[in-house]
């Protein structure tokens, strides 16, 4: 009994530590004062001002469009790369797996500076395209690592059976292989989307003038003080993600029933 109580208390402390800052942020998004330490009354004006702030809305738009496009491209490239690595000989596979792990292990600042140097060497104008390419680049290894375990679980004779039954290689892939590894592909996409949405360091080095993501916009605000409008935006994002998780959980429960 005591052991269960200790475990419950420990879990409770961890969850409080994780979610108390978010709760404080949500509460102060309704604070009438600009100063976070001073409660001046309930208001919705920060939400209203958020909707009228074109720079924040533009940064939010850039953040989501880049995250979606980068995740889609990285998922396609990473899935193809994972299938290619799986069919390599053991020595070549080991080499490519080590190369895949390098971007994951490297600090973001190294990746950001390296990509910046590459774009300057190629004489690319820094902007939306370079930012998108940078996000695709650092997301690909994560997609590969998410898809490979599902490929390893496949019956090695499944593709051969489909080909023997008259399917073309493309038909065998889209109708037999892809449905079997779809869980890994979706996981890779969601992981890439989350990493792209959250990225600051790589974006900071590879973006150009006039192209901001949300993380860069918030960083630029810290010099003069972060506006309560960011609290309002963070609250909307948190509620949106929470609602999505609840819907997905409900759908999963209905499928099991």
C-alpha atoms as a PDB file:
ATOM      1  CA  UNK A   1       0.000   0.000   0.000  1.00  0.00           C
ATOM      2  CA  UNK A   2       2.774   2.419   0.978  1.00  0.00           C
ATOM      3  CA  UNK A   3       4.714   1.504  -2.160  1.00  0.00           C
ATOM      4  CA  UNK A   4       1.692   2.324  -4.356  1.00  0.00           C
ATOM      5  CA  UNK A   5       1.196   5.645  -2.577  1.00  0.00           C
ATOM      6  CA  UNK A   6       4.869   6.549  -3.086  1.00  0.00           C
ATOM      7  CA  UNK A   7       4.624   5.722  -6.777  1.00  0.00           C
ATOM      8  CA  UNK A   8       1.447   7.783  -7.124  1.00  0.00           C
ATOM      9  CA  UNK A   9       3.025  10.717  -5.260  1.00  0.00           C
ATOM     10  CA  UNK A  10       6.154  10.534  -7.411  1.00  0.00           C
ATOM     11  CA  UNK A  11       4.080  10.485 -10.620  1.00  0.00           C
ATOM     12  CA  UNK A  12       1.983  13.376  -9.319  1.00  0.00           C
ATOM     13  CA  UNK A  13       5.078  15.486  -8.605  1.00  0.00           C
ATOM     14  CA  UNK A  14       6.405  14.834 -12.114  1.00  0.00           C
ATOM     15  CA  UNK A  15       3.102  15.837 -13.722  1.00  0.00           C
ATOM     16  CA  UNK A  16       2.840  18.962 -11.575  1.00  0.00           C
ATOM     17  CA  UNK A  17       6.377  19.915 -12.585  1.00  0.00           C
ATOM     18  CA  UNK A  18       5.500  19.406 -16.275  1.00  0.00           C
ATOM     19  CA  UNK A  19       2.075  21.031 -16.420  1.00  0.00           C
ATOM     20  CA  UNK A  20       2.122  23.737 -13.734  1.00  0.00           C
ATOM     21  CA  UNK A  21       4.046  26.185 -16.008  1.00  0.00           C
ATOM     22  CA  UNK A  22       1.466  25.597 -18.763  1.00  0.00           C
ATOM     23  CA  UNK A  23      -1.357  26.223 -16.293  1.00  0.00           C
ATOM     24  CA  UNK A  24       0.271  29.488 -15.173  1.00  0.00           C
ATOM     25  CA  UNK A  25       0.688  30.532 -18.812  1.00  0.00           C
ATOM     26  CA  UNK A  26      -2.997  29.838 -19.524  1.00  0.00           C
ATOM     27  CA  UNK A  27      -4.137  31.780 -16.452  1.00  0.00           C
ATOM     28  CA  UNK A  28      -1.997  34.811 -17.294  1.00  0.00           C
ATOM     29  CA  UNK A  29      -3.251  34.834 -20.893  1.00  0.00           C
ATOM     30  CA  UNK A  30      -6.442  36.248 -19.331  1.00  0.00           C
ATOM     31  CA  UNK A  31      -4.589  38.787 -17.188  1.00  0.00           C
ATOM     32  CA  UNK A  32      -5.426  42.424 -17.928  1.00  0.00           C
ATOM     33  CA  UNK A  33      -1.886  43.519 -16.983  1.00  0.00           C
ATOM     34  CA  UNK A  34       1.098  43.379 -19.327  1.00  0.00           C
ATOM     35  CA  UNK A  35       3.261  42.307 -16.418  1.00  0.00           C
ATOM     36  CA  UNK A  36       3.128  38.590 -15.680  1.00  0.00           C
ATOM     37  CA  UNK A  37       3.685  38.936 -11.949  1.00  0.00           C
ATOM     38  CA  UNK A  38       0.757  41.319 -11.422  1.00  0.00           C
ATOM     39  CA  UNK A  39      -2.871  40.163 -11.721  1.00  0.00           C
ATOM     40  CA  UNK A  40      -5.098  43.095 -12.704  1.00  0.00           C
ATOM     41  CA  UNK A  41      -8.325  41.334 -13.579  1.00  0.00           C
ATOM     42  CA  UNK A  42      -9.858  39.034 -16.184  1.00  0.00           C
ATOM     43  CA  UNK A  43      -9.771  40.074 -19.860  1.00  0.00           C
ATOM     44  CA  UNK A  44      -9.918  38.667 -23.389  1.00  0.00           C
ATOM     45  CA  UNK A  45      -8.142  41.604 -24.999  1.00  0.00           C
ATOM     46  CA  UNK A  46      -4.893  39.701 -25.595  1.00  0.00           C
ATOM     47  CA  UNK A  47      -6.793  37.214 -27.744  1.00  0.00           C
ATOM     48  CA  UNK A  48      -8.377  40.072 -29.644  1.00  0.00           C
ATOM     49  CA  UNK A  49      -5.033  41.810 -30.153  1.00  0.00           C
ATOM     50  CA  UNK A  50      -3.480  38.504 -31.208  1.00  0.00           C
ATOM     51  CA  UNK A  51      -5.939  38.211 -34.087  1.00  0.00           C
ATOM     52  CA  UNK A  52      -5.046  41.743 -35.209  1.00  0.00           C
ATOM     53  CA  UNK A  53      -1.255  41.249 -35.010  1.00  0.00           C
ATOM     54  CA  UNK A  54      -0.192  40.495 -38.584  1.00  0.00           C
ATOM     55  CA  UNK A  55       3.437  39.740 -37.705  1.00  0.00           C
ATOM     56  CA  UNK A  56       2.503  36.974 -35.255  1.00  0.00           C
ATOM     57  CA  UNK A  57      -0.134  35.544 -37.601  1.00  0.00           C
ATOM     58  CA  UNK A  58       2.417  35.581 -40.430  1.00  0.00           C
ATOM     59  CA  UNK A  59       4.986  33.810 -38.234  1.00  0.00           C
ATOM     60  CA  UNK A  60       2.370  31.234 -37.232  1.00  0.00           C
ATOM     61  CA  UNK A  61       1.431  30.682 -40.886  1.00  0.00           C
ATOM     62  CA  UNK A  62       5.095  30.205 -41.850  1.00  0.00           C
ATOM     63  CA  UNK A  63       5.626  27.823 -38.941  1.00  0.00           C
ATOM     64  CA  UNK A  64       2.738  25.534 -39.881  1.00  0.00           C
ATOM     65  CA  UNK A  65       3.248  25.596 -43.660  1.00  0.00           C
ATOM     66  CA  UNK A  66       6.949  24.811 -43.303  1.00  0.00           C
ATOM     67  CA  UNK A  67       6.240  22.085 -40.732  1.00  0.00           C
ATOM     68  CA  UNK A  68       3.608  20.423 -42.950  1.00  0.00           C
ATOM     69  CA  UNK A  69       5.604  20.650 -46.196  1.00  0.00           C
ATOM     70  CA  UNK A  70       8.883  19.610 -44.549  1.00  0.00           C
ATOM     71  CA  UNK A  71       7.196  16.667 -42.817  1.00  0.00           C
ATOM     72  CA  UNK A  72       5.585  15.445 -46.036  1.00  0.00           C
ATOM     73  CA  UNK A  73       8.810  15.698 -48.037  1.00  0.00           C
ATOM     74  CA  UNK A  74      10.909  14.180 -45.244  1.00  0.00           C
ATOM     75  CA  UNK A  75       8.416  11.314 -44.867  1.00  0.00           C
ATOM     76  CA  UNK A  76       8.548  10.458 -48.577  1.00  0.00           C
ATOM     77  CA  UNK A  77      12.346  10.687 -48.769  1.00  0.00           C
ATOM     78  CA  UNK A  78      12.900   8.996 -45.404  1.00  0.00           C
ATOM     79  CA  UNK A  79      10.575   6.083 -46.198  1.00  0.00           C
ATOM     80  CA  UNK A  80      12.303   5.483 -49.535  1.00  0.00           C
ATOM     81  CA  UNK A  81      15.699   5.715 -47.809  1.00  0.00           C
ATOM     82  CA  UNK A  82      14.630   3.255 -45.100  1.00  0.00           C
ATOM     83  CA  UNK A  83      13.538   0.708 -47.711  1.00  0.00           C
ATOM     84  CA  UNK A  84      16.828   1.210 -49.576  1.00  0.00           C
ATOM     85  CA  UNK A  85      18.895   0.768 -46.400  1.00  0.00           C
ATOM     86  CA  UNK A  86      16.946  -2.379 -45.495  1.00  0.00           C
ATOM     87  CA  UNK A  87      17.873  -4.019 -48.805  1.00  0.00           C
ATOM     88  CA  UNK A  88      21.587  -3.163 -48.563  1.00  0.00           C
ATOM     89  CA  UNK A  89      24.344  -5.609 -47.703  1.00  0.00           C
ATOM     90  CA  UNK A  90      25.287  -5.701 -43.987  1.00  0.00           C
ATOM     91  CA  UNK A  91      28.463  -3.637 -44.338  1.00  0.00           C
ATOM     92  CA  UNK A  92      26.825  -0.909 -46.450  1.00  0.00           C
ATOM     93  CA  UNK A  93      23.812  -0.944 -44.126  1.00  0.00           C
ATOM     94  CA  UNK A  94      26.051  -0.354 -41.087  1.00  0.00           C
ATOM     95  CA  UNK A  95      27.766   2.574 -42.829  1.00  0.00           C
ATOM     96  CA  UNK A  96      24.488   4.226 -43.812  1.00  0.00           C
ATOM     97  CA  UNK A  97      22.967   3.688 -40.377  1.00  0.00           C
ATOM     98  CA  UNK A  98      25.949   5.431 -38.782  1.00  0.00           C
ATOM     99  CA  UNK A  99      25.520   8.311 -41.243  1.00  0.00           C
ATOM    100  CA  UNK A 100      21.820   8.438 -40.321  1.00  0.00           C
ATOM    101  CA  UNK A 101      22.609   8.671 -36.605  1.00  0.00           C
ATOM    102  CA  UNK A 102      25.031  11.592 -37.064  1.00  0.00           C
ATOM    103  CA  UNK A 103      22.424  14.377 -37.549  1.00  0.00           C
ATOM    104  CA  UNK A 104      20.420  12.979 -34.634  1.00  0.00           C
ATOM    105  CA  UNK A 105      23.443  13.057 -32.312  1.00  0.00           C
ATOM    106  CA  UNK A 106      24.826  16.395 -33.505  1.00  0.00           C
ATOM    107  CA  UNK A 107      23.798  19.578 -31.662  1.00  0.00           C
ATOM    108  CA  UNK A 108      21.284  21.735 -33.543  1.00  0.00           C
ATOM    109  CA  UNK A 109      23.755  24.607 -33.683  1.00  0.00           C
ATOM    110  CA  UNK A 110      26.185  22.454 -35.689  1.00  0.00           C
ATOM    111  CA  UNK A 111      23.458  21.505 -38.171  1.00  0.00           C
ATOM    112  CA  UNK A 112      22.295  25.129 -38.442  1.00  0.00           C
ATOM    113  CA  UNK A 113      25.767  26.545 -39.094  1.00  0.00           C
ATOM    114  CA  UNK A 114      26.597  23.717 -41.535  1.00  0.00           C
ATOM    115  CA  UNK A 115      23.443  24.316 -43.569  1.00  0.00           C
ATOM    116  CA  UNK A 116      24.053  28.060 -43.526  1.00  0.00           C
ATOM    117  CA  UNK A 117      27.570  27.515 -44.875  1.00  0.00           C
ATOM    118  CA  UNK A 118      26.200  25.192 -47.568  1.00  0.00           C
ATOM    119  CA  UNK A 119      23.532  27.657 -48.702  1.00  0.00           C
ATOM    120  CA  UNK A 120      26.057  30.505 -48.811  1.00  0.00           C
ATOM    121  CA  UNK A 121      28.492  28.329 -50.798  1.00  0.00           C
ATOM    122  CA  UNK A 122      25.716  27.420 -53.250  1.00  0.00           C
ATOM    123  CA  UNK A 123      24.767  31.126 -53.397  1.00  0.00           C
ATOM    124  CA  UNK A 124      21.174  30.448 -52.346  1.00  0.00           C
ATOM    125  CA  UNK A 125      19.265  33.476 -51.154  1.00  0.00           C
ATOM    126  CA  UNK A 126      18.257  32.850 -47.561  1.00  0.00           C
ATOM    127  CA  UNK A 127      14.501  32.799 -47.152  1.00  0.00           C
ATOM    128  CA  UNK A 128      11.493  30.506 -47.198  1.00  0.00           C
ATOM    129  CA  UNK A 129      13.028  27.902 -49.542  1.00  0.00           C
ATOM    130  CA  UNK A 130      16.282  27.543 -47.578  1.00  0.00           C
ATOM    131  CA  UNK A 131      14.272  27.286 -44.358  1.00  0.00           C
ATOM    132  CA  UNK A 132      12.115  24.548 -45.874  1.00  0.00           C
ATOM    133  CA  UNK A 133      15.150  22.640 -47.194  1.00  0.00           C
ATOM    134  CA  UNK A 134      16.821  22.870 -43.788  1.00  0.00           C
ATOM    135  CA  UNK A 135      13.760  21.424 -42.039  1.00  0.00           C
ATOM    136  CA  UNK A 136      13.487  18.597 -44.570  1.00  0.00           C
ATOM    137  CA  UNK A 137      17.177  17.805 -44.068  1.00  0.00           C
ATOM    138  CA  UNK A 138      17.168  17.445 -40.290  1.00  0.00           C
ATOM    139  CA  UNK A 139      13.832  15.573 -40.300  1.00  0.00           C
ATOM    140  CA  UNK A 140      14.832  12.795 -42.701  1.00  0.00           C
ATOM    141  CA  UNK A 141      16.945  10.779 -40.198  1.00  0.00           C
ATOM    142  CA  UNK A 142      14.076  10.708 -37.703  1.00  0.00           C
ATOM    143  CA  UNK A 143      11.700   9.363 -40.349  1.00  0.00           C
ATOM    144  CA  UNK A 144      14.221   6.675 -41.319  1.00  0.00           C
ATOM    145  CA  UNK A 145      14.592   5.583 -37.695  1.00  0.00           C
ATOM    146  CA  UNK A 146      10.797   5.485 -37.275  1.00  0.00           C
ATOM    147  CA  UNK A 147      10.116   3.464 -40.451  1.00  0.00           C
ATOM    148  CA  UNK A 148      12.978   0.931 -40.269  1.00  0.00           C
ATOM    149  CA  UNK A 149      11.620  -1.074 -37.284  1.00  0.00           C
ATOM    150  CA  UNK A 150       8.345  -1.667 -39.159  1.00  0.00           C
ATOM    151  CA  UNK A 151      10.257  -2.830 -42.232  1.00  0.00           C
ATOM    152  CA  UNK A 152      12.261  -5.258 -40.078  1.00  0.00           C
ATOM    153  CA  UNK A 153       8.966  -6.734 -38.829  1.00  0.00           C
ATOM    154  CA  UNK A 154       7.761  -7.477 -42.369  1.00  0.00           C
ATOM    155  CA  UNK A 155       7.646 -11.014 -43.675  1.00  0.00           C
ATOM    156  CA  UNK A 156      10.601 -11.057 -46.119  1.00  0.00           C
ATOM    157  CA  UNK A 157       8.590 -13.156 -48.598  1.00  0.00           C
ATOM    158  CA  UNK A 158       5.580 -10.833 -48.674  1.00  0.00           C
ATOM    159  CA  UNK A 159       6.827  -8.727 -51.582  1.00  0.00           C
ATOM    160  CA  UNK A 160       7.941 -11.807 -53.521  1.00  0.00           C
ATOM    161  CA  UNK A 161       4.484 -13.348 -53.109  1.00  0.00           C
ATOM    162  CA  UNK A 162       2.823 -10.196 -54.439  1.00  0.00           C
ATOM    163  CA  UNK A 163       5.155 -10.156 -57.468  1.00  0.00           C
ATOM    164  CA  UNK A 164       4.522 -13.865 -58.126  1.00  0.00           C
ATOM    165  CA  UNK A 165       0.788 -13.174 -58.117  1.00  0.00           C
ATOM    166  CA  UNK A 166       1.191 -10.660 -60.945  1.00  0.00           C
ATOM    167  CA  UNK A 167       1.644  -7.352 -59.156  1.00  0.00           C
ATOM    168  CA  UNK A 168       4.137  -4.847 -60.525  1.00  0.00           C
ATOM    169  CA  UNK A 169       6.830  -3.544 -58.133  1.00  0.00           C
ATOM    170  CA  UNK A 170       4.859  -0.303 -57.660  1.00  0.00           C
ATOM    171  CA  UNK A 171       1.628  -2.186 -56.998  1.00  0.00           C
ATOM    172  CA  UNK A 172       3.408  -4.478 -54.558  1.00  0.00           C
ATOM    173  CA  UNK A 173       4.751  -1.466 -52.689  1.00  0.00           C
ATOM    174  CA  UNK A 174       1.557   0.603 -52.514  1.00  0.00           C
ATOM    175  CA  UNK A 175      -0.892  -2.268 -51.953  1.00  0.00           C
ATOM    176  CA  UNK A 176       1.178  -4.664 -49.847  1.00  0.00           C
ATOM    177  CA  UNK A 177       4.303  -3.094 -48.312  1.00  0.00           C
ATOM    178  CA  UNK A 178       3.071   0.427 -47.555  1.00  0.00           C
ATOM    179  CA  UNK A 179      -0.066  -0.656 -45.625  1.00  0.00           C
ATOM    180  CA  UNK A 180       2.110  -2.929 -43.482  1.00  0.00           C
ATOM    181  CA  UNK A 181       4.579  -0.161 -42.565  1.00  0.00           C
ATOM    182  CA  UNK A 182       2.008   2.653 -42.417  1.00  0.00           C
ATOM    183  CA  UNK A 183       2.206   2.881 -38.612  1.00  0.00           C
ATOM    184  CA  UNK A 184       5.926   3.661 -38.865  1.00  0.00           C
ATOM    185  CA  UNK A 185       5.350   6.147 -41.687  1.00  0.00           C
ATOM    186  CA  UNK A 186       2.690   7.996 -39.679  1.00  0.00           C
ATOM    187  CA  UNK A 187       4.956   7.980 -36.614  1.00  0.00           C
ATOM    188  CA  UNK A 188       7.791   9.420 -38.688  1.00  0.00           C
ATOM    189  CA  UNK A 189       5.521  12.117 -40.102  1.00  0.00           C
ATOM    190  CA  UNK A 190       4.231  13.156 -36.673  1.00  0.00           C
ATOM    191  CA  UNK A 191       7.751  13.171 -35.231  1.00  0.00           C
ATOM    192  CA  UNK A 192       9.028  15.267 -38.134  1.00  0.00           C
ATOM    193  CA  UNK A 193       6.066  17.650 -37.810  1.00  0.00           C
ATOM    194  CA  UNK A 194       6.658  18.104 -34.082  1.00  0.00           C
ATOM    195  CA  UNK A 195      10.399  18.681 -34.483  1.00  0.00           C
ATOM    196  CA  UNK A 196       9.847  21.162 -37.308  1.00  0.00           C
ATOM    197  CA  UNK A 197       7.174  23.021 -35.371  1.00  0.00           C
ATOM    198  CA  UNK A 198       9.414  23.285 -32.326  1.00  0.00           C
ATOM    199  CA  UNK A 199      12.722  24.101 -34.041  1.00  0.00           C
ATOM    200  CA  UNK A 200      14.537  27.349 -33.347  1.00  0.00           C
ATOM    201  CA  UNK A 201      18.279  26.914 -33.795  1.00  0.00           C
ATOM    202  CA  UNK A 202      18.319  25.584 -37.371  1.00  0.00           C
ATOM    203  CA  UNK A 203      15.586  28.043 -38.392  1.00  0.00           C
ATOM    204  CA  UNK A 204      17.519  30.942 -36.912  1.00  0.00           C
ATOM    205  CA  UNK A 205      20.582  30.254 -39.086  1.00  0.00           C
ATOM    206  CA  UNK A 206      18.814  29.355 -42.331  1.00  0.00           C
ATOM    207  CA  UNK A 207      16.005  31.910 -42.559  1.00  0.00           C
ATOM    208  CA  UNK A 208      16.231  35.214 -44.382  1.00  0.00           C
ATOM    209  CA  UNK A 209      14.959  38.732 -43.929  1.00  0.00           C
ATOM    210  CA  UNK A 210      11.191  38.949 -43.566  1.00  0.00           C
ATOM    211  CA  UNK A 211      10.657  35.195 -43.058  1.00  0.00           C
ATOM    212  CA  UNK A 212      10.001  34.401 -39.406  1.00  0.00           C
ATOM    213  CA  UNK A 213       8.785  31.300 -37.665  1.00  0.00           C
ATOM    214  CA  UNK A 214       6.995  31.500 -34.350  1.00  0.00           C
ATOM    215  CA  UNK A 215      10.086  30.537 -32.345  1.00  0.00           C
ATOM    216  CA  UNK A 216      12.191  33.240 -34.041  1.00  0.00           C
ATOM    217  CA  UNK A 217       9.435  35.813 -33.540  1.00  0.00           C
ATOM    218  CA  UNK A 218       9.198  35.033 -29.821  1.00  0.00           C
ATOM    219  CA  UNK A 219      12.990  35.165 -29.486  1.00  0.00           C
ATOM    220  CA  UNK A 220      13.039  38.617 -31.090  1.00  0.00           C
ATOM    221  CA  UNK A 221      10.424  39.757 -28.560  1.00  0.00           C
ATOM    222  CA  UNK A 222      12.510  38.737 -25.543  1.00  0.00           C
ATOM    223  CA  UNK A 223      14.742  41.803 -25.949  1.00  0.00           C
ATOM    224  CA  UNK A 224      11.811  44.113 -25.140  1.00  0.00           C
ATOM    225  CA  UNK A 225       9.687  41.676 -23.164  1.00  0.00           C
ATOM    226  CA  UNK A 226       7.387  38.929 -24.414  1.00  0.00           C
ATOM    227  CA  UNK A 227       3.874  40.227 -25.064  1.00  0.00           C
ATOM    228  CA  UNK A 228       0.904  38.560 -23.301  1.00  0.00           C
ATOM    229  CA  UNK A 229      -0.362  37.897 -26.832  1.00  0.00           C
ATOM    230  CA  UNK A 230       2.131  35.024 -26.913  1.00  0.00           C
ATOM    231  CA  UNK A 231       0.467  33.597 -23.796  1.00  0.00           C
ATOM    232  CA  UNK A 232      -2.844  33.721 -25.648  1.00  0.00           C
ATOM    233  CA  UNK A 233      -1.351  32.048 -28.713  1.00  0.00           C
ATOM    234  CA  UNK A 234       0.303  29.333 -26.611  1.00  0.00           C
ATOM    235  CA  UNK A 235      -3.022  28.678 -24.871  1.00  0.00           C
ATOM    236  CA  UNK A 236      -4.794  28.253 -28.217  1.00  0.00           C
ATOM    237  CA  UNK A 237      -2.090  25.861 -29.459  1.00  0.00           C
ATOM    238  CA  UNK A 238      -2.188  23.829 -26.246  1.00  0.00           C
ATOM    239  CA  UNK A 239      -5.982  23.514 -26.316  1.00  0.00           C
ATOM    240  CA  UNK A 240      -5.842  22.594 -30.013  1.00  0.00           C
ATOM    241  CA  UNK A 241      -3.296  19.816 -29.424  1.00  0.00           C
ATOM    242  CA  UNK A 242      -5.190  18.564 -26.367  1.00  0.00           C
ATOM    243  CA  UNK A 243      -8.455  18.461 -28.334  1.00  0.00           C
ATOM    244  CA  UNK A 244      -6.759  16.539 -31.155  1.00  0.00           C
ATOM    245  CA  UNK A 245      -5.364  13.979 -28.709  1.00  0.00           C
ATOM    246  CA  UNK A 246      -8.783  13.501 -27.120  1.00  0.00           C
ATOM    247  CA  UNK A 247     -10.407  12.979 -30.542  1.00  0.00           C
ATOM    248  CA  UNK A 248      -7.727  10.463 -31.589  1.00  0.00           C
ATOM    249  CA  UNK A 249      -8.045   8.621 -28.289  1.00  0.00           C
ATOM    250  CA  UNK A 250     -11.826   8.484 -28.662  1.00  0.00           C
ATOM    251  CA  UNK A 251     -11.529   7.126 -32.194  1.00  0.00           C
ATOM    252  CA  UNK A 252      -9.020   4.503 -31.063  1.00  0.00           C
ATOM    253  CA  UNK A 253     -11.393   3.431 -28.273  1.00  0.00           C
ATOM    254  CA  UNK A 254     -14.316   3.153 -30.724  1.00  0.00           C
ATOM    255  CA  UNK A 255     -12.235   1.017 -33.094  1.00  0.00           C
ATOM    256  CA  UNK A 256     -11.283  -1.388 -30.278  1.00  0.00           C
ATOM    257  CA  UNK A 257     -14.928  -1.752 -29.272  1.00  0.00           C
END
